[in-house]
Amino acid sequence: MSKPLFIKNEQGLYRVRGYFRPEDLVRVAADILLDDMTGKEVMSNPANAARFVQLALAQEKNEHFAALFLSTQHHLLRFETLFTGTVDGASVYPRVVVQKALEFNAGAVIFAHNHPSGECEPSLADRQITRRLTDALALIDVRVLDHFVVSRNSYVSFAERGLL
C-alpha cells in the first residue's frame, strides 16, 4: 500500500509528501478541497462547487463527465467521475447515473464536465443530455441543481444561464 500524498494535522493544515508535476499538485489540491467539502452544504455558494469541479476536471486531456451527489439538504455525499470520452465528447448513460444516485441515496445532483478545447459554451448535445438526465432523475425524486461546463480558465453554469 502506498503512502498518502498529503497528511492533515489536528489544526487542519496539510503537509504534502515528495515532489510533484504541476498536474499532480492540481489533483492533490482537488482531493484536499473535496475532503473539505464532504458533508458541508455546497450549494450555499455555487461558485465553490464550480471551482472544485474546474480544479478536478479542467486539466484532463479528454472529456470527463462527473457528478456531485448531494443529500436532500445539499451536503456533499460523493464526487465521482462517471464517464470518460475523447477530446471532443463522452458518452453519458442515464441508467448509470440513476443507479449511482440510488447507490449514494442522493436527493440532488450537480453535473460537471470539461471541454478540453477550452471553450465552455454548452453544445446542443450537452443541453440534450442534461434534459434527459433531469427527466430520468425526476422519476426517482432526485433534483438536478446545476450542470457546469469547465475549462482551465472559465466555466459555464446551466442554472445561471436558465438552461435547467
C-alpha atoms as a PDB file:
ATOM      1  CA  MET A   1       0.000   0.000   0.000  1.00  0.00           C
ATOM      2  CA  SER A   2       1.404   3.414  -0.952  1.00  0.00           C
ATOM      3  CA  LYS A   3       1.696   6.337   1.443  1.00  0.00           C
ATOM      4  CA  PRO A   4      -0.834   9.161   1.040  1.00  0.00           C
ATOM      5  CA  LEU A   5       0.305  12.193  -0.937  1.00  0.00           C
ATOM      6  CA  PHE A   6      -0.742  14.569   1.841  1.00  0.00           C
ATOM      7  CA  ILE A   7      -1.346  14.464   5.575  1.00  0.00           C
ATOM      8  CA  LYS A   8      -3.757  16.659   7.538  1.00  0.00           C
ATOM      9  CA  ASN A   9      -2.772  17.561  11.101  1.00  0.00           C
ATOM     10  CA  GLU A  10      -5.012  18.382  14.094  1.00  0.00           C
ATOM     11  CA  GLN A  11      -5.043  22.088  13.207  1.00  0.00           C
ATOM     12  CA  GLY A  12      -6.351  21.360   9.710  1.00  0.00           C
ATOM     13  CA  LEU A  13      -3.041  22.121   7.999  1.00  0.00           C
ATOM     14  CA  TYR A  14      -1.721  19.913   5.207  1.00  0.00           C
ATOM     15  CA  ARG A  15       1.744  18.569   4.515  1.00  0.00           C
ATOM     16  CA  VAL A  16       2.468  17.218   1.056  1.00  0.00           C
ATOM     17  CA  ARG A  17       4.961  14.376   0.603  1.00  0.00           C
ATOM     18  CA  GLY A  18       7.537  14.239  -2.177  1.00  0.00           C
ATOM     19  CA  TYR A  19       7.973  16.005  -5.497  1.00  0.00           C
ATOM     20  CA  PHE A  20       5.177  16.544  -7.987  1.00  0.00           C
ATOM     21  CA  ARG A  21       4.454  17.640 -11.513  1.00  0.00           C
ATOM     22  CA  PRO A  22       2.051  20.618 -11.689  1.00  0.00           C
ATOM     23  CA  GLU A  23      -0.862  18.401 -12.801  1.00  0.00           C
ATOM     24  CA  ASP A  24      -0.256  16.112  -9.793  1.00  0.00           C
ATOM     25  CA  LEU A  25      -0.385  19.116  -7.452  1.00  0.00           C
ATOM     26  CA  VAL A  26      -3.697  20.137  -9.006  1.00  0.00           C
ATOM     27  CA  ARG A  27      -5.047  16.640  -8.275  1.00  0.00           C
ATOM     28  CA  VAL A  28      -3.801  16.848  -4.673  1.00  0.00           C
ATOM     29  CA  ALA A  29      -5.460  20.268  -4.322  1.00  0.00           C
ATOM     30  CA  ALA A  30      -8.728  18.848  -5.703  1.00  0.00           C
ATOM     31  CA  ASP A  31      -8.532  15.943  -3.229  1.00  0.00           C
ATOM     32  CA  ILE A  32      -7.978  18.355  -0.327  1.00  0.00           C
ATOM     33  CA  LEU A  33     -10.853  20.564  -1.452  1.00  0.00           C
ATOM     34  CA  LEU A  34     -13.117  17.514  -1.830  1.00  0.00           C
ATOM     35  CA  ASP A  35     -12.162  16.376   1.680  1.00  0.00           C
ATOM     36  CA  ASP A  36     -13.045  19.831   2.991  1.00  0.00           C
ATOM     37  CA  MET A  37     -16.371  19.946   1.110  1.00  0.00           C
ATOM     38  CA  THR A  38     -17.621  16.476   2.098  1.00  0.00           C
ATOM     39  CA  GLY A  39     -20.550  16.755   4.481  1.00  0.00           C
ATOM     40  CA  LYS A  40     -20.888  20.517   4.001  1.00  0.00           C
ATOM     41  CA  GLU A  41     -23.528  22.475   2.115  1.00  0.00           C
ATOM     42  CA  VAL A  42     -22.044  23.034  -1.336  1.00  0.00           C
ATOM     43  CA  MET A  43     -24.941  24.980  -2.787  1.00  0.00           C
ATOM     44  CA  SER A  44     -24.631  27.819  -0.274  1.00  0.00           C
ATOM     45  CA  ASN A  45     -22.042  29.069  -2.745  1.00  0.00           C
ATOM     46  CA  PRO A  46     -22.357  27.606  -6.268  1.00  0.00           C
ATOM     47  CA  ALA A  47     -19.068  29.255  -7.264  1.00  0.00           C
ATOM     48  CA  ASN A  48     -17.257  26.966  -4.776  1.00  0.00           C
ATOM     49  CA  ALA A  49     -18.761  23.885  -6.421  1.00  0.00           C
ATOM     50  CA  ALA A  50     -17.807  25.264  -9.833  1.00  0.00           C
ATOM     51  CA  ARG A  51     -14.232  25.957  -8.732  1.00  0.00           C
ATOM     52  CA  PHE A  52     -13.929  22.463  -7.297  1.00  0.00           C
ATOM     53  CA  VAL A  53     -15.075  20.729 -10.495  1.00  0.00           C
ATOM     54  CA  GLN A  54     -12.894  23.077 -12.505  1.00  0.00           C
ATOM     55  CA  LEU A  55      -9.910  22.058 -10.378  1.00  0.00           C
ATOM     56  CA  ALA A  56     -10.853  18.375 -10.592  1.00  0.00           C
ATOM     57  CA  LEU A  57     -11.583  18.192 -14.333  1.00  0.00           C
ATOM     58  CA  ALA A  58     -10.074  21.084 -16.295  1.00  0.00           C
ATOM     59  CA  GLN A  59      -6.575  19.557 -16.577  1.00  0.00           C
ATOM     60  CA  GLU A  60      -7.885  16.413 -18.278  1.00  0.00           C
ATOM     61  CA  LYS A  61      -6.891  15.911 -21.906  1.00  0.00           C
ATOM     62  CA  ASN A  62     -10.109  14.044 -22.729  1.00  0.00           C
ATOM     63  CA  GLU A  63     -13.679  14.862 -21.792  1.00  0.00           C
ATOM     64  CA  HIS A  64     -14.772  13.631 -18.349  1.00  0.00           C
ATOM     65  CA  PHE A  65     -18.365  13.706 -17.095  1.00  0.00           C
ATOM     66  CA  ALA A  66     -18.749  13.806 -13.322  1.00  0.00           C
ATOM     67  CA  ALA A  67     -21.341  14.367 -10.623  1.00  0.00           C
ATOM     68  CA  LEU A  68     -21.526  15.808  -7.145  1.00  0.00           C
ATOM     69  CA  PHE A  69     -24.093  13.652  -5.348  1.00  0.00           C
ATOM     70  CA  LEU A  70     -25.818  15.604  -2.589  1.00  0.00           C
ATOM     71  CA  SER A  71     -28.142  14.863   0.307  1.00  0.00           C
ATOM     72  CA  THR A  72     -31.613  16.423   0.419  1.00  0.00           C
ATOM     73  CA  GLN A  73     -30.003  19.194   2.494  1.00  0.00           C
ATOM     74  CA  HIS A  74     -27.394  19.683  -0.274  1.00  0.00           C
ATOM     75  CA  HIS A  75     -24.478  18.289   1.728  1.00  0.00           C
ATOM     76  CA  LEU A  76     -21.868  16.590  -0.421  1.00  0.00           C
ATOM     77  CA  LEU A  77     -22.141  12.799  -0.257  1.00  0.00           C
ATOM     78  CA  ARG A  78     -19.770  11.878  -3.055  1.00  0.00           C
ATOM     79  CA  PHE A  79     -17.946  13.248  -6.093  1.00  0.00           C
ATOM     80  CA  GLU A  80     -17.433  10.768  -8.873  1.00  0.00           C
ATOM     81  CA  THR A  81     -16.229  10.833 -12.465  1.00  0.00           C
ATOM     82  CA  LEU A  82     -18.842   8.710 -14.201  1.00  0.00           C
ATOM     83  CA  PHE A  83     -17.750   8.695 -17.848  1.00  0.00           C
ATOM     84  CA  THR A  84     -14.576   9.381 -19.820  1.00  0.00           C
ATOM     85  CA  GLY A  85     -14.545  10.073 -23.522  1.00  0.00           C
ATOM     86  CA  THR A  86     -12.319  11.524 -26.202  1.00  0.00           C
ATOM     87  CA  VAL A  87     -11.078  15.040 -26.914  1.00  0.00           C
ATOM     88  CA  ASP A  88     -14.498  16.183 -28.104  1.00  0.00           C
ATOM     89  CA  GLY A  89     -17.114  14.114 -26.288  1.00  0.00           C
ATOM     90  CA  ALA A  90     -18.103  11.460 -23.792  1.00  0.00           C
ATOM     91  CA  SER A  91     -20.992   9.010 -23.917  1.00  0.00           C
ATOM     92  CA  VAL A  92     -23.284   9.519 -20.917  1.00  0.00           C
ATOM     93  CA  TYR A  93     -25.796   6.863 -19.917  1.00  0.00           C
ATOM     94  CA  PRO A  94     -28.806   7.989 -17.823  1.00  0.00           C
ATOM     95  CA  ARG A  95     -29.284   4.453 -16.462  1.00  0.00           C
ATOM     96  CA  VAL A  96     -25.816   4.520 -14.854  1.00  0.00           C
ATOM     97  CA  VAL A  97     -26.426   7.990 -13.399  1.00  0.00           C
ATOM     98  CA  VAL A  98     -29.737   6.859 -11.867  1.00  0.00           C
ATOM     99  CA  GLN A  99     -28.032   3.754 -10.417  1.00  0.00           C
ATOM    100  CA  LYS A 100     -25.315   5.900  -8.816  1.00  0.00           C
ATOM    101  CA  ALA A 101     -27.851   8.366  -7.389  1.00  0.00           C
ATOM    102  CA  LEU A 102     -29.687   5.452  -5.777  1.00  0.00           C
ATOM    103  CA  GLU A 103     -26.426   3.871  -4.564  1.00  0.00           C
ATOM    104  CA  PHE A 104     -25.427   7.089  -2.752  1.00  0.00           C
ATOM    105  CA  ASN A 105     -29.014   7.813  -1.613  1.00  0.00           C
ATOM    106  CA  ALA A 106     -28.755  11.262  -3.225  1.00  0.00           C
ATOM    107  CA  GLY A 107     -31.529  13.818  -3.037  1.00  0.00           C
ATOM    108  CA  ALA A 108     -29.879  16.158  -5.521  1.00  0.00           C
ATOM    109  CA  VAL A 109     -27.032  16.198  -8.010  1.00  0.00           C
ATOM    110  CA  ILE A 110     -24.754  18.672  -9.753  1.00  0.00           C
ATOM    111  CA  PHE A 111     -23.262  17.566 -13.058  1.00  0.00           C
ATOM    112  CA  ALA A 112     -19.985  18.753 -14.498  1.00  0.00           C
ATOM    113  CA  HIS A 113     -17.841  18.015 -17.485  1.00  0.00           C
ATOM    114  CA  ASN A 114     -14.779  19.537 -19.043  1.00  0.00           C
ATOM    115  CA  HIS A 115     -14.239  20.819 -22.554  1.00  0.00           C
ATOM    116  CA  PRO A 116     -10.575  20.087 -23.337  1.00  0.00           C
ATOM    117  CA  SER A 117     -10.755  22.619 -26.194  1.00  0.00           C
ATOM    118  CA  GLY A 118     -11.027  25.400 -23.613  1.00  0.00           C
ATOM    119  CA  GLU A 119     -14.375  26.614 -24.983  1.00  0.00           C
ATOM    120  CA  CYS A 120     -17.035  26.334 -22.266  1.00  0.00           C
ATOM    121  CA  GLU A 121     -20.090  27.146 -24.350  1.00  0.00           C
ATOM    122  CA  PRO A 122     -22.570  24.247 -23.860  1.00  0.00           C
ATOM    123  CA  SER A 123     -23.250  22.323 -27.054  1.00  0.00           C
ATOM    124  CA  LEU A 124     -26.648  21.126 -28.216  1.00  0.00           C
ATOM    125  CA  ALA A 125     -25.604  17.608 -27.105  1.00  0.00           C
ATOM    126  CA  ASP A 126     -24.734  19.000 -23.631  1.00  0.00           C
ATOM    127  CA  ARG A 127     -28.188  20.572 -23.323  1.00  0.00           C
ATOM    128  CA  GLN A 128     -29.934  17.418 -24.583  1.00  0.00           C
ATOM    129  CA  ILE A 129     -28.175  15.018 -22.192  1.00  0.00           C
ATOM    130  CA  THR A 130     -28.821  17.380 -19.286  1.00  0.00           C
ATOM    131  CA  ARG A 131     -32.544  17.332 -20.129  1.00  0.00           C
ATOM    132  CA  ARG A 132     -32.545  13.501 -20.404  1.00  0.00           C
ATOM    133  CA  LEU A 133     -30.730  13.177 -17.066  1.00  0.00           C
ATOM    134  CA  THR A 134     -33.052  15.676 -15.390  1.00  0.00           C
ATOM    135  CA  ASP A 135     -36.104  13.760 -16.639  1.00  0.00           C
ATOM    136  CA  ALA A 136     -34.692  10.362 -15.607  1.00  0.00           C
ATOM    137  CA  LEU A 137     -33.715  11.547 -12.133  1.00  0.00           C
ATOM    138  CA  ALA A 138     -37.080  13.266 -11.603  1.00  0.00           C
ATOM    139  CA  LEU A 139     -38.665   9.805 -11.734  1.00  0.00           C
ATOM    140  CA  ILE A 140     -36.816   8.898  -8.523  1.00  0.00           C
ATOM    141  CA  ASP A 141     -37.215  12.351  -6.911  1.00  0.00           C
ATOM    142  CA  VAL A 142     -33.613  13.477  -7.362  1.00  0.00           C
ATOM    143  CA  ARG A 143     -33.232  17.146  -8.324  1.00  0.00           C
ATOM    144  CA  VAL A 144     -30.606  18.384 -10.776  1.00  0.00           C
ATOM    145  CA  LEU A 145     -29.323  21.649  -9.295  1.00  0.00           C
ATOM    146  CA  ASP A 146     -26.772  22.594 -11.941  1.00  0.00           C
ATOM    147  CA  HIS A 147     -24.503  21.409 -14.729  1.00  0.00           C
ATOM    148  CA  PHE A 148     -21.101  23.052 -15.111  1.00  0.00           C
ATOM    149  CA  VAL A 149     -19.025  23.016 -18.277  1.00  0.00           C
ATOM    150  CA  VAL A 150     -15.434  23.790 -17.271  1.00  0.00           C
ATOM    151  CA  SER A 151     -12.089  24.561 -18.825  1.00  0.00           C
ATOM    152  CA  ARG A 152      -8.800  25.696 -17.308  1.00  0.00           C
ATOM    153  CA  ASN A 153      -9.796  29.370 -17.361  1.00  0.00           C
ATOM    154  CA  SER A 154     -13.559  29.521 -17.062  1.00  0.00           C
ATOM    155  CA  TYR A 155     -16.837  27.731 -16.511  1.00  0.00           C
ATOM    156  CA  VAL A 156     -20.471  27.992 -17.544  1.00  0.00           C
ATOM    157  CA  SER A 157     -23.372  27.213 -15.212  1.00  0.00           C
ATOM    158  CA  PHE A 158     -26.567  25.856 -16.769  1.00  0.00           C
ATOM    159  CA  ALA A 159     -28.542  27.184 -13.765  1.00  0.00           C
ATOM    160  CA  GLU A 160     -27.131  30.701 -14.137  1.00  0.00           C
ATOM    161  CA  ARG A 161     -27.969  30.632 -17.854  1.00  0.00           C
ATOM    162  CA  GLY A 162     -31.521  29.385 -17.241  1.00  0.00           C
ATOM    163  CA  LEU A 163     -30.864  26.124 -19.114  1.00  0.00           C
ATOM    164  CA  LEU A 164     -32.295  23.844 -16.398  1.00  0.00           C
END
